[in-house]
Protein backbone atom coordinates (compact mmCIF):
# COMPACT_ATOMS: atom_id res chain seq x y z
CA UNK A 1 12.62 -6.87 28.66
CA UNK A 2 9.97 -4.29 28.02
CA UNK A 3 8.58 -3.84 31.53
CA UNK A 4 6.10 -1.16 30.43
CA UNK A 5 4.56 -3.56 27.93
CA UNK A 6 4.58 -6.32 30.53
CA UNK A 7 2.65 -4.16 32.94
CA UNK A 8 0.19 -3.12 30.27
CA UNK A 9 -0.53 -6.70 29.21
CA UNK A 10 -0.83 -7.83 32.80
CA UNK A 11 -3.19 -4.98 33.68
CA UNK A 12 -5.46 -5.93 30.79
CA UNK A 13 -5.55 -9.55 31.93
CA UNK A 14 -6.35 -8.54 35.50
CA UNK A 15 -9.07 -6.06 34.64
CA UNK A 16 -10.67 -8.42 32.17
CA UNK A 17 -11.25 -10.96 34.91
CA UNK A 18 -12.50 -8.52 37.53
CA UNK A 19 -9.61 -8.77 39.98
CA UNK A 20 -9.71 -5.00 40.38
CA UNK A 21 -13.08 -5.42 42.08
CA UNK A 22 -11.49 -7.10 45.09
CA UNK A 23 -12.43 -10.76 44.75
CA UNK A 24 -10.22 -12.98 46.95
CA UNK A 25 -8.86 -16.18 45.46
CA UNK A 26 -7.18 -19.22 47.02
CA UNK A 27 -3.50 -19.89 46.48
CA UNK A 28 -2.55 -22.47 43.86
CA UNK A 29 0.57 -23.51 42.05
CA UNK A 30 0.66 -22.70 38.34
CA UNK A 31 3.06 -23.98 35.68
CA UNK A 32 3.22 -22.36 32.24
CA UNK A 33 4.96 -24.23 29.43
CA UNK A 34 5.92 -21.80 26.67
CA UNK A 35 6.69 -23.31 23.26
CA UNK A 36 8.32 -20.92 20.78
CA UNK A 37 8.72 -21.67 17.08
CA UNK A 38 9.59 -19.73 13.96
CA UNK A 39 7.23 -19.37 11.01
CA UNK A 40 8.11 -22.74 9.47
CA UNK A 41 7.21 -24.48 12.74
CA UNK A 42 10.73 -25.31 13.86
CA UNK A 43 11.61 -24.60 17.50
CA UNK A 44 13.90 -21.70 18.30
CA UNK A 45 16.47 -21.88 21.08
CA UNK A 46 17.76 -18.93 23.08
CA UNK A 47 14.64 -16.78 22.86
CA UNK A 48 14.28 -14.60 25.96
CA UNK A 49 11.02 -15.18 27.83
CA UNK A 50 9.48 -13.13 30.65
CA UNK A 51 6.40 -14.42 32.46
CA UNK A 52 4.76 -11.84 34.72
CA UNK A 53 2.09 -12.55 37.33
CA UNK A 54 0.03 -10.41 39.67
CA UNK A 55 0.82 -10.14 43.36
CA UNK A 56 -2.36 -10.61 45.40
CA UNK A 57 -3.44 -9.10 47.62
CA UNK A 58 -1.77 -5.97 46.17
CA UNK A 59 0.83 -4.24 48.38
CA UNK A 60 -0.53 -1.48 50.61
CA UNK A 61 2.28 0.81 49.48
CA UNK A 62 1.59 1.87 45.85
CA UNK A 63 5.35 2.18 45.29
CA UNK A 64 5.89 -1.53 45.96
CA UNK A 65 5.96 -4.01 43.09
CA UNK A 66 2.50 -5.31 42.20
CA UNK A 67 3.73 -8.04 39.92
CA UNK A 68 6.36 -10.74 39.89
CA UNK A 69 8.41 -11.84 36.92
CA UNK A 70 10.14 -15.07 35.96
CA UNK A 71 12.74 -14.80 33.21
CA UNK A 72 14.66 -17.33 31.20
CA UNK A 73 15.43 -18.61 27.71
CA UNK A 74 14.02 -21.36 25.52
CA UNK A 75 15.94 -24.63 25.28
CA UNK A 76 16.87 -26.52 22.11
CA UNK A 77 13.24 -27.64 21.80
CA UNK A 78 12.03 -24.05 21.96
CA UNK A 79 10.55 -24.60 25.42
CA UNK A 80 10.65 -22.48 28.58
CA UNK A 81 8.79 -23.46 31.75
CA UNK A 82 7.81 -21.02 34.50
CA UNK A 83 6.16 -22.04 37.76
CA UNK A 84 5.01 -20.28 40.93
CA UNK A 85 2.56 -20.61 43.82
CA UNK A 86 0.27 -17.63 44.32
CA UNK A 87 -3.30 -16.37 43.91
CA UNK A 88 -2.80 -14.54 40.62
CA UNK A 89 -5.61 -14.08 38.15
CA UNK A 90 -3.49 -14.03 35.04
CA UNK A 91 -0.12 -14.12 33.31
CA UNK A 92 1.53 -11.84 30.76
CA UNK A 93 4.17 -13.44 28.57
CA UNK A 94 6.70 -11.66 26.38
CA UNK A 95 9.19 -13.37 24.05
CA UNK A 96 12.12 -11.60 22.41
CA UNK A 97 15.10 -12.56 20.30
CA UNK A 98 17.49 -10.44 18.27
CA UNK A 99 16.48 -10.35 14.62
CA UNK A 100 12.85 -11.24 15.35
CA UNK A 101 9.69 -9.30 16.13
CA UNK A 102 8.77 -9.33 19.81
CA UNK A 103 5.59 -11.22 20.62
CA UNK A 104 3.37 -11.28 23.70
CA UNK A 105 0.24 -12.96 25.01
CA UNK A 106 -1.94 -12.94 28.11
CA UNK A 107 -3.33 -16.04 29.82
CA UNK A 108 -6.23 -16.24 32.27
CA UNK A 109 -5.43 -18.51 35.20
CA UNK A 110 -9.14 -18.71 36.02
CA UNK A 111 -12.16 -18.96 33.80
CA UNK A 112 -14.63 -16.29 34.96
CA UNK A 113 -17.23 -17.75 37.28
CA UNK A 114 -15.65 -21.22 37.38
CA UNK A 115 -13.49 -22.11 40.34
CA UNK A 116 -13.85 -25.88 40.70
CA UNK A 117 -10.66 -27.92 41.07
CA UNK A 118 -10.82 -29.37 37.54
CA UNK A 119 -11.05 -25.95 35.89
CA UNK A 120 -8.35 -24.52 38.13
CA UNK A 121 -5.98 -27.37 37.33
CA UNK A 122 -6.43 -27.01 33.57
CA UNK A 123 -6.18 -23.24 33.39
CA UNK A 124 -3.23 -23.00 35.81
CA UNK A 125 -1.09 -25.47 33.86
CA UNK A 126 -1.25 -24.11 30.32
CA UNK A 127 0.89 -24.98 27.33
CA UNK A 128 1.16 -21.83 25.24
CA UNK A 129 2.46 -21.77 21.67
CA UNK A 130 3.98 -18.60 20.23
CA UNK A 131 5.50 -17.78 16.84
CA UNK A 132 8.51 -15.51 16.42
CA UNK A 133 8.55 -13.81 13.03
CA UNK A 134 11.90 -12.88 11.55
CA UNK A 135 12.56 -9.21 10.80
CA UNK A 136 13.02 -9.12 7.05
CA UNK A 137 13.25 -5.86 5.13
CA UNK A 138 11.06 -3.14 6.68
CA UNK A 139 10.40 -0.39 4.14
CA UNK A 140 8.91 3.12 3.98
CA UNK A 141 5.15 2.99 3.40
CA UNK A 142 2.09 5.21 3.56
CA UNK A 143 0.46 4.26 6.86
CA UNK A 144 -2.42 5.78 8.82
CA UNK A 145 -4.69 4.81 11.68
CA UNK A 146 -8.35 5.66 11.07
CA UNK A 147 -9.94 5.40 14.49
CA UNK A 148 -13.40 6.09 13.15
CA UNK A 149 -14.32 6.69 9.54
CA UNK A 150 -16.76 9.55 9.06
CA UNK A 151 -18.50 9.21 5.72
CA UNK A 152 -19.40 12.45 3.93
CA UNK A 153 -22.56 10.95 2.41
CA UNK A 154 -24.64 7.81 2.77
CA UNK A 155 -25.63 5.53 -0.14
CA UNK A 156 -22.85 6.82 -2.37
CA UNK A 157 -19.45 5.40 -3.36
CA UNK A 158 -16.78 7.84 -2.17
CA UNK A 159 -13.14 7.57 -3.18
CA UNK A 160 -10.23 7.46 -0.74
CA UNK A 161 -6.62 8.33 -1.65
CA UNK A 162 -4.13 6.14 0.22
CA UNK A 163 -1.13 8.33 -0.60
CA UNK A 164 -2.86 11.44 0.74
CA UNK A 165 -4.79 9.78 3.54
CA UNK A 166 -8.05 11.56 2.74
CA UNK A 167 -11.24 11.45 0.70
CA UNK A 168 -10.95 12.58 -2.89
CA UNK A 169 -12.47 15.93 -3.84
CA UNK A 170 -14.85 17.51 -3.20
CA UNK A 171 -14.88 15.75 0.20
CA UNK A 172 -11.17 15.98 0.95
CA UNK A 173 -7.66 16.58 -0.36
CA UNK A 174 -7.29 13.25 -2.16
CA UNK A 175 -6.55 13.12 -5.88
CA UNK A 176 -6.58 9.45 -6.91
CA UNK A 177 -9.33 7.12 -5.71
CA UNK A 178 -7.60 3.90 -4.65
CA UNK A 179 -10.66 2.59 -2.78
CA UNK A 180 -14.37 3.28 -2.76
CA UNK A 181 -16.34 3.22 0.49
CA UNK A 182 -20.13 3.01 0.47
CA UNK A 183 -22.28 3.19 3.59
CA UNK A 184 -25.83 2.16 2.73
CA UNK A 185 -28.70 3.32 4.97
CA UNK A 186 -32.44 3.50 4.65
CA UNK A 187 -32.27 6.26 7.28
CA UNK A 188 -29.47 7.48 9.59
CA UNK A 189 -30.73 5.38 12.54
CA UNK A 190 -31.12 2.12 10.64
CA UNK A 191 -28.84 -0.87 10.26
CA UNK A 192 -26.25 -0.36 7.59
CA UNK A 193 -24.03 -2.15 5.11
CA UNK A 194 -20.53 -0.77 4.76
CA UNK A 195 -18.64 -1.90 1.67
CA UNK A 196 -15.26 -1.34 0.03
CA UNK A 197 -14.87 -1.61 -3.73
CA UNK A 198 -12.26 -0.61 -6.29
CA UNK A 199 -11.99 1.55 -9.39
CA UNK A 200 -9.94 -0.70 -11.70
CA UNK A 201 -10.22 -4.27 -13.03
CA UNK A 202 -7.72 -6.42 -11.16
CA UNK A 203 -7.89 -4.34 -8.00
CA UNK A 204 -9.22 -6.17 -4.98
CA UNK A 205 -9.09 -7.28 -1.39
CA UNK A 206 -8.87 -10.51 0.59
CA UNK A 207 -9.42 -11.15 4.27
CA UNK A 208 -6.89 -13.01 6.37
CA UNK A 209 -6.99 -14.48 9.86
CA UNK A 210 -4.19 -14.11 12.40
CA UNK A 211 -3.59 -17.39 14.28
CA UNK A 212 -3.70 -17.19 18.07
CA UNK A 213 0.04 -17.92 18.27
CA UNK A 214 0.76 -14.81 16.14
CA UNK A 215 -1.80 -12.29 17.45
CA UNK A 216 0.71 -10.67 19.80
CA UNK A 217 3.48 -10.46 17.22
CA UNK A 218 4.95 -7.12 16.24
CA UNK A 219 4.17 -8.23 12.66
CA UNK A 220 0.64 -9.63 12.47
CA UNK A 221 0.57 -10.08 8.68
CA UNK A 222 2.81 -12.05 6.35
CA UNK A 223 5.94 -10.33 5.07
CA UNK A 224 4.49 -10.08 1.55
CA UNK A 225 1.01 -9.60 0.13
CA UNK A 226 -0.37 -12.59 -1.83
CA UNK A 227 0.02 -12.75 -5.59
CA UNK A 228 -3.67 -13.46 -6.25
CA UNK A 229 -6.96 -14.31 -4.57
CA UNK A 230 -8.28 -10.74 -4.50
CA UNK A 231 -12.01 -10.05 -4.59
CA UNK A 232 -13.55 -6.90 -6.14
CA UNK A 233 -15.61 -6.02 -3.04
CA UNK A 234 -15.97 -6.70 0.68
CA UNK A 235 -18.67 -5.62 3.09
CA UNK A 236 -19.64 -5.68 6.76
CA UNK A 237 -22.74 -5.10 8.85
CA UNK A 238 -21.16 -5.08 12.33
CA UNK A 239 -20.23 -1.79 13.96
CA UNK A 240 -16.64 -2.83 14.68
CA UNK A 241 -14.68 -6.05 14.47
CA UNK A 242 -10.99 -5.48 15.26
CA UNK A 243 -10.13 -9.10 14.43
CA UNK A 244 -10.65 -8.56 10.69
CA UNK A 245 -7.55 -8.02 8.56
CA UNK A 246 -7.08 -7.64 4.82
CA UNK A 247 -4.54 -7.59 2.01
CA UNK A 248 -5.33 -5.34 -0.95
CA UNK A 249 -4.14 -4.65 -4.50
CA UNK A 250 -4.75 -1.31 -6.19
CA UNK A 251 -3.67 0.80 -9.19
CA UNK A 252 -3.63 -2.42 -11.21
CA UNK A 253 -2.80 -2.58 -14.89
CA UNK A 254 -3.81 -5.65 -16.90
CA UNK A 255 -2.64 -6.88 -20.31
CA UNK A 256 -5.05 -7.85 -23.08
CA UNK A 257 -5.37 -11.34 -21.57
CA UNK A 258 -6.28 -10.06 -18.13
CA UNK A 259 -2.88 -10.76 -16.58
CA UNK A 260 -1.48 -8.31 -14.03
CA UNK A 261 1.26 -6.19 -15.57
CA UNK A 262 1.60 -3.74 -12.71
CA UNK A 263 -0.02 -3.33 -9.29
CA UNK A 264 0.59 -1.87 -5.83
CA UNK A 265 -0.03 -3.74 -2.62
CA UNK A 266 -0.85 -3.12 1.01
CA UNK A 267 -2.66 -4.37 4.10
CA UNK A 268 -5.34 -3.33 6.56
CA UNK A 269 -5.49 -4.17 10.26
CA UNK A 270 -9.04 -3.88 11.57
CA UNK A 271 -12.44 -3.67 9.91
CA UNK A 272 -13.76 -1.14 7.40
CA UNK A 273 -15.04 1.37 9.95
CA UNK A 274 -11.99 1.50 12.20
CA UNK A 275 -8.69 0.38 10.74
CA UNK A 276 -5.01 1.00 10.12
CA UNK A 277 -3.72 0.76 6.57
CA UNK A 278 -0.24 0.28 5.10
CA UNK A 279 0.40 1.05 1.42
CA UNK A 280 3.56 0.21 -0.50
CA UNK A 281 3.79 2.73 -3.38
CA UNK A 282 6.33 0.78 -5.43
CA UNK A 283 4.72 -1.06 -8.38
CA UNK A 284 4.97 -4.86 -8.25
CA UNK A 285 6.67 -4.86 -4.85
CA UNK A 286 4.58 -7.06 -2.55
CA UNK A 287 6.66 -6.28 0.54
CA UNK A 288 4.29 -5.06 3.30
CA UNK A 289 6.76 -5.02 6.18
CA UNK A 290 6.46 -1.43 7.38
CA UNK A 291 9.26 0.56 9.00
CA UNK A 292 7.49 2.80 11.56
CA UNK A 293 10.37 5.28 11.40
CA UNK A 294 9.75 5.89 7.68
CA UNK A 295 6.10 6.78 7.27
CA UNK A 296 5.66 8.47 3.89
CA UNK A 297 2.42 10.06 5.07
CA UNK A 298 3.29 13.25 6.94
CA UNK A 299 1.24 15.68 8.99
CA UNK A 300 -0.64 13.00 10.94
CA UNK A 301 -2.34 13.73 14.22
CA UNK A 302 -1.14 11.78 17.25
CA UNK A 303 -4.03 9.29 17.10
CA UNK A 304 -3.46 8.74 13.38
CA UNK A 305 0.21 7.80 13.71
CA UNK A 306 1.29 4.19 13.24
CA UNK A 307 3.94 2.67 15.48
CA UNK A 308 3.83 -1.03 14.55
CA UNK A 309 4.75 -2.96 11.41
């Protein structure tokens, strides 16, 4: 099991609830029922599960373990049950199986500010559903993390080259405009509308939602981009919304009847101001399962590198 990831997830759960600020909690028994299925909804047996919990109060020696861990495997119904009696604030759950993407999730054992017996009983006996996605055919792609887009000009559509990872000239080294970004302001301090549009008929974008049971998966998207359903423009007015995700189609060629003859596909994790994109350069190949070891976009800074499919 990936103990480093376990500790990271558990730390996030703890800090989110304020345990680090020293609040003392009573001891209760908790029982977590983990239900694991594959993408078609069928249960999967033999998936390895690790359920980590905080040890409170924390040991005085910083070298001592500050978390406990219960390990096991799902049964023929895809179920694994972990139980313990302690005063933990939260759980971190990791599920692994050969041939599938690892998935993880955190669970709060207390709702902040609510410590009555009814709330405690419900939150400390959760049933948690998780989806394991099969590893299909990861491929080389152009992938880059844009932690914060800096727009060269306001109120102007500016092209971005996905295969170069930069604005098109004269703002950057890009050659072909795959996308257009426009940040509309009345003045630099005002509210704004950030939009993405496209240069060719047939190009487009569509938003998708990641179900709760899949949010911790190594592969958050589907294995392939959709055939259709693409819109010519999308916009946002919020500063950042990391829960937004998109599929896109670019470099599209249409026949005389408006049917797609050729196109290239990709996906975006995150919103338009702070996102990671993945671009498959092969025409008509809708596979968007990225192999992190084969990024076609070289020369990236450490914060721009992409490590997940």
